[in-house]
Amino acid sequence: MKLLSKKNVLITGGSRGIGKGIVNLLINQGANVAFTYSSSSSLADEIVNNLNSSVNKCKAYQSDASVLADCEKLVEDVLNDFGSIDVLINNAGITKDNLLMRMSEDDFQKVMDINVIGAFIVLKEVANIMKKQEPQGGAIVNTASMAGIGAPPNMIAYATSKAAVKHMTVIASKDLSSFNIRVNSISPAFIGPGFMW
């Protein structure tokens, strides 16, 4: 029996980088995986086609993490297609690095919309589903970053957003523990474009 056999997992931002690695890992651990992508349907289709030869279910959903309606529809669609959401990996995120004096308000807001607001909306929507799945509850993992801890230069938007994700995780874990929903975060360091894949 594999670790995540028959568990239904939703991964936001799963078509490249860390997210793609998580999709592959969880499929190999027996999970059924739903994942989101923002624009590249060809990348998403390639992942699904490569993985659907297994006994596990894998499906991609186009969704903009900065759009409230997209986030709400995503969770609704995944629930309809998979029947439950046992695990959420809140991974979608962007960075727009720049020196403080050169950072535009629009770029700063875009990073916050996707990395913080989008993560919050999906977290809240999925938590409401997991509450109804008692007693098993569920597990939620938010992708933060070492940048949210170490405060590197030229990353005021990204580092601020990831510090917010870490703090949001701590509070959510307290708010949801009585429903048997575990909430944790991971804080990766820099991942190069050739990392593992």
Protein backbone atom coordinates (compact mmCIF):
# COMPACT_ATOMS: atom_id res chain seq x y z
CA MET A 1 0.00 0.00 0.00
CA LYS A 2 1.45 3.35 -1.06
CA LEU A 3 1.52 6.27 1.36
CA LEU A 4 -1.23 8.30 -0.37
CA SER A 5 -3.19 5.48 -1.99
CA LYS A 6 -6.64 6.68 -3.10
CA LYS A 7 -6.18 10.14 -1.53
CA ASN A 8 -7.42 13.07 -3.62
CA VAL A 9 -4.91 15.93 -3.77
CA LEU A 10 -5.28 19.45 -5.18
CA ILE A 11 -2.05 21.23 -6.12
CA THR A 12 -2.11 24.86 -7.25
CA GLY A 13 0.67 25.86 -9.63
CA GLY A 14 1.49 22.29 -10.65
CA SER A 15 2.69 22.59 -14.24
CA ARG A 16 6.33 23.54 -13.66
CA GLY A 17 9.14 23.75 -11.11
CA ILE A 18 8.37 22.65 -7.56
CA GLY A 19 4.69 22.14 -8.37
CA LYS A 20 5.45 19.74 -11.23
CA GLY A 21 7.79 17.80 -8.97
CA ILE A 22 5.06 17.52 -6.34
CA VAL A 23 2.54 16.27 -8.92
CA ASN A 24 4.92 13.50 -10.01
CA LEU A 25 5.85 12.58 -6.44
CA LEU A 26 2.27 12.30 -5.23
CA ILE A 27 1.14 10.29 -8.24
CA ASN A 28 3.99 7.88 -7.49
CA GLN A 29 2.74 7.67 -3.90
CA GLY A 30 -0.69 6.52 -5.05
CA ALA A 31 -2.64 9.80 -4.97
CA ASN A 32 -5.23 11.04 -7.42
CA VAL A 33 -4.03 14.51 -8.40
CA ALA A 34 -5.77 17.66 -9.58
CA PHE A 35 -3.44 20.52 -10.42
CA THR A 36 -3.70 24.03 -11.79
CA TYR A 37 -1.83 25.91 -14.46
CA SER A 38 -2.12 29.58 -15.40
CA SER A 39 -1.54 29.73 -19.16
CA SER A 40 0.47 26.89 -20.71
CA SER A 41 -2.05 24.19 -21.57
CA SER A 42 0.65 22.30 -23.53
CA LEU A 43 2.76 21.85 -20.39
CA ALA A 44 -0.27 20.74 -18.40
CA ASP A 45 -1.39 18.32 -21.12
CA GLU A 46 2.09 16.80 -21.30
CA ILE A 47 2.06 16.10 -17.56
CA VAL A 48 -1.42 14.57 -17.66
CA ASN A 49 -0.61 12.43 -20.72
CA ASN A 50 2.59 11.15 -19.12
CA LEU A 51 0.85 10.25 -15.85
CA ASN A 52 -2.51 8.92 -16.98
CA SER A 53 -0.95 5.59 -17.91
CA SER A 54 -0.89 4.86 -14.19
CA VAL A 55 -3.88 3.65 -12.20
CA ASN A 56 -4.15 7.07 -10.58
CA LYS A 57 -6.38 9.87 -11.82
CA CYS A 58 -4.69 13.11 -12.90
CA LYS A 59 -6.45 16.18 -14.25
CA ALA A 60 -5.34 19.75 -15.00
CA TYR A 61 -7.42 22.90 -14.48
CA GLN A 62 -6.68 26.35 -15.88
CA SER A 63 -7.10 28.84 -13.04
CA ASP A 64 -5.85 32.34 -12.20
CA ALA A 65 -4.88 32.40 -8.53
CA SER A 66 -5.46 36.16 -8.40
CA VAL A 67 -9.13 35.92 -9.46
CA LEU A 68 -11.66 35.14 -6.72
CA ALA A 69 -14.18 33.54 -9.08
CA ASP A 70 -11.49 31.28 -10.59
CA CYS A 71 -10.39 30.05 -7.16
CA GLU A 72 -13.94 29.32 -6.07
CA LYS A 73 -14.81 27.55 -9.33
CA LEU A 74 -11.60 25.52 -9.15
CA VAL A 75 -12.45 24.05 -5.77
CA GLU A 76 -16.03 23.36 -6.86
CA ASP A 77 -14.89 21.63 -10.07
CA VAL A 78 -12.29 19.48 -8.30
CA LEU A 79 -14.83 18.42 -5.70
CA ASN A 80 -17.30 17.47 -8.43
CA ASP A 81 -14.66 15.54 -10.41
CA PHE A 82 -12.88 13.79 -7.54
CA GLY A 83 -15.57 13.56 -4.85
CA SER A 84 -13.38 14.88 -2.04
CA ILE A 85 -10.23 16.89 -1.38
CA ASP A 86 -8.05 15.13 1.19
CA VAL A 87 -4.89 17.19 0.69
CA LEU A 88 -4.26 20.73 -0.56
CA ILE A 89 -0.81 21.87 -1.70
CA ASN A 90 -1.12 25.66 -2.01
CA ASN A 91 1.83 26.22 -4.33
CA ALA A 92 0.85 28.82 -6.98
CA GLY A 93 3.05 31.89 -6.83
CA ILE A 94 5.00 34.48 -8.81
CA THR A 95 7.89 36.80 -8.19
CA LYS A 96 8.62 40.27 -9.56
CA ASP A 97 12.01 41.17 -8.16
CA ASN A 98 13.14 44.78 -8.06
CA LEU A 99 14.82 47.36 -5.89
CA LEU A 100 12.34 49.06 -3.55
CA MET A 101 12.52 52.40 -5.38
CA ARG A 102 11.83 50.71 -8.73
CA MET A 103 9.02 48.43 -7.59
CA SER A 104 5.74 49.55 -9.09
CA GLU A 105 2.53 49.41 -7.10
CA ASP A 106 0.96 47.29 -9.84
CA ASP A 107 3.72 44.66 -9.65
CA PHE A 108 3.63 44.64 -5.85
CA GLN A 109 -0.15 44.19 -5.91
CA LYS A 110 0.04 41.36 -8.48
CA VAL A 111 2.44 39.40 -6.28
CA MET A 112 0.18 39.90 -3.26
CA ASP A 113 -2.93 38.95 -5.25
CA ILE A 114 -1.49 35.60 -6.31
CA ASN A 115 0.85 34.66 -3.47
CA VAL A 116 -1.30 35.80 -0.54
CA ILE A 117 -4.91 36.51 -1.54
CA GLY A 118 -5.12 33.56 -3.93
CA ALA A 119 -3.56 31.23 -1.36
CA PHE A 120 -6.00 32.50 1.28
CA ILE A 121 -9.07 31.99 -0.92
CA VAL A 122 -8.16 28.41 -1.88
CA LEU A 123 -7.18 27.65 1.72
CA LYS A 124 -10.53 28.91 2.99
CA GLU A 125 -12.60 27.13 0.31
CA VAL A 126 -10.84 23.80 0.81
CA ALA A 127 -10.95 24.09 4.62
CA ASN A 128 -14.73 24.45 4.43
CA ILE A 129 -14.86 21.20 2.43
CA MET A 130 -12.50 19.38 4.78
CA LYS A 131 -14.60 20.41 7.78
CA LYS A 132 -17.50 18.46 6.28
CA GLN A 133 -15.25 15.41 5.85
CA GLU A 134 -14.86 14.81 9.57
CA PRO A 135 -13.60 12.74 11.24
CA GLN A 136 -10.78 12.33 8.68
CA GLY A 137 -10.39 16.10 8.13
CA GLY A 138 -7.46 16.71 5.82
CA ALA A 139 -4.00 18.17 5.34
CA ILE A 140 -2.97 21.52 3.87
CA VAL A 141 0.56 22.55 2.91
CA ASN A 142 1.32 26.14 1.90
CA THR A 143 4.48 26.88 -0.09
CA ALA A 144 6.29 29.74 1.59
CA SER A 145 9.99 30.49 0.99
CA MET A 146 13.30 31.10 2.71
CA ALA A 147 12.91 34.60 1.27
CA GLY A 148 10.09 35.14 3.74
CA ILE A 149 12.50 34.40 6.58
CA GLY A 150 15.79 35.93 5.46
CA ALA A 151 14.48 39.13 3.80
CA PRO A 152 16.86 39.27 0.79
CA PRO A 153 17.44 42.55 -1.07
CA ASN A 154 15.53 43.39 -4.26
CA MET A 155 12.68 41.03 -3.33
CA ILE A 156 10.39 43.26 -1.29
CA ALA A 157 7.17 42.01 -2.89
CA TYR A 158 8.01 38.30 -2.99
CA ALA A 159 9.65 38.16 0.44
CA THR A 160 6.79 40.09 2.04
CA SER A 161 4.22 37.80 0.43
CA LYS A 162 5.97 34.64 1.60
CA ALA A 163 6.34 35.98 5.15
CA ALA A 164 2.58 36.53 5.06
CA VAL A 165 2.02 32.95 3.87
CA LYS A 166 4.07 31.60 6.77
CA HIS A 167 2.09 33.64 9.30
CA MET A 168 -1.21 32.73 7.63
CA THR A 169 -0.24 29.07 7.98
CA VAL A 170 0.39 29.35 11.71
CA ILE A 171 -2.96 31.01 12.36
CA ALA A 172 -4.85 28.62 10.06
CA SER A 173 -3.33 25.63 11.87
CA LYS A 174 -4.76 26.93 15.14
CA ASP A 175 -8.15 27.78 13.64
CA LEU A 176 -8.55 24.40 11.95
CA SER A 177 -6.97 21.96 14.40
CA SER A 178 -10.29 21.22 16.12
CA PHE A 179 -11.62 19.94 12.76
CA ASN A 180 -8.70 17.51 12.39
CA ILE A 181 -7.23 19.62 9.58
CA ARG A 182 -3.45 19.89 9.71
CA VAL A 183 -1.90 23.03 8.19
CA ASN A 184 1.84 23.36 7.58
CA SER A 185 4.16 25.29 5.31
CA ILE A 186 7.41 24.54 3.54
CA SER A 187 10.09 27.15 2.88
CA PRO A 188 12.28 26.14 -0.08
CA ALA A 189 15.43 28.01 -0.96
CA PHE A 190 16.18 29.07 -4.55
CA ILE A 191 15.34 26.35 -7.08
CA GLY A 192 17.15 26.64 -10.40
CA PRO A 193 15.38 26.10 -13.75
CA GLY A 194 17.05 22.69 -14.23
CA PHE A 195 16.28 21.35 -10.78
CA MET A 196 15.38 17.65 -11.02
CA TRP A 197 13.33 17.92 -14.23
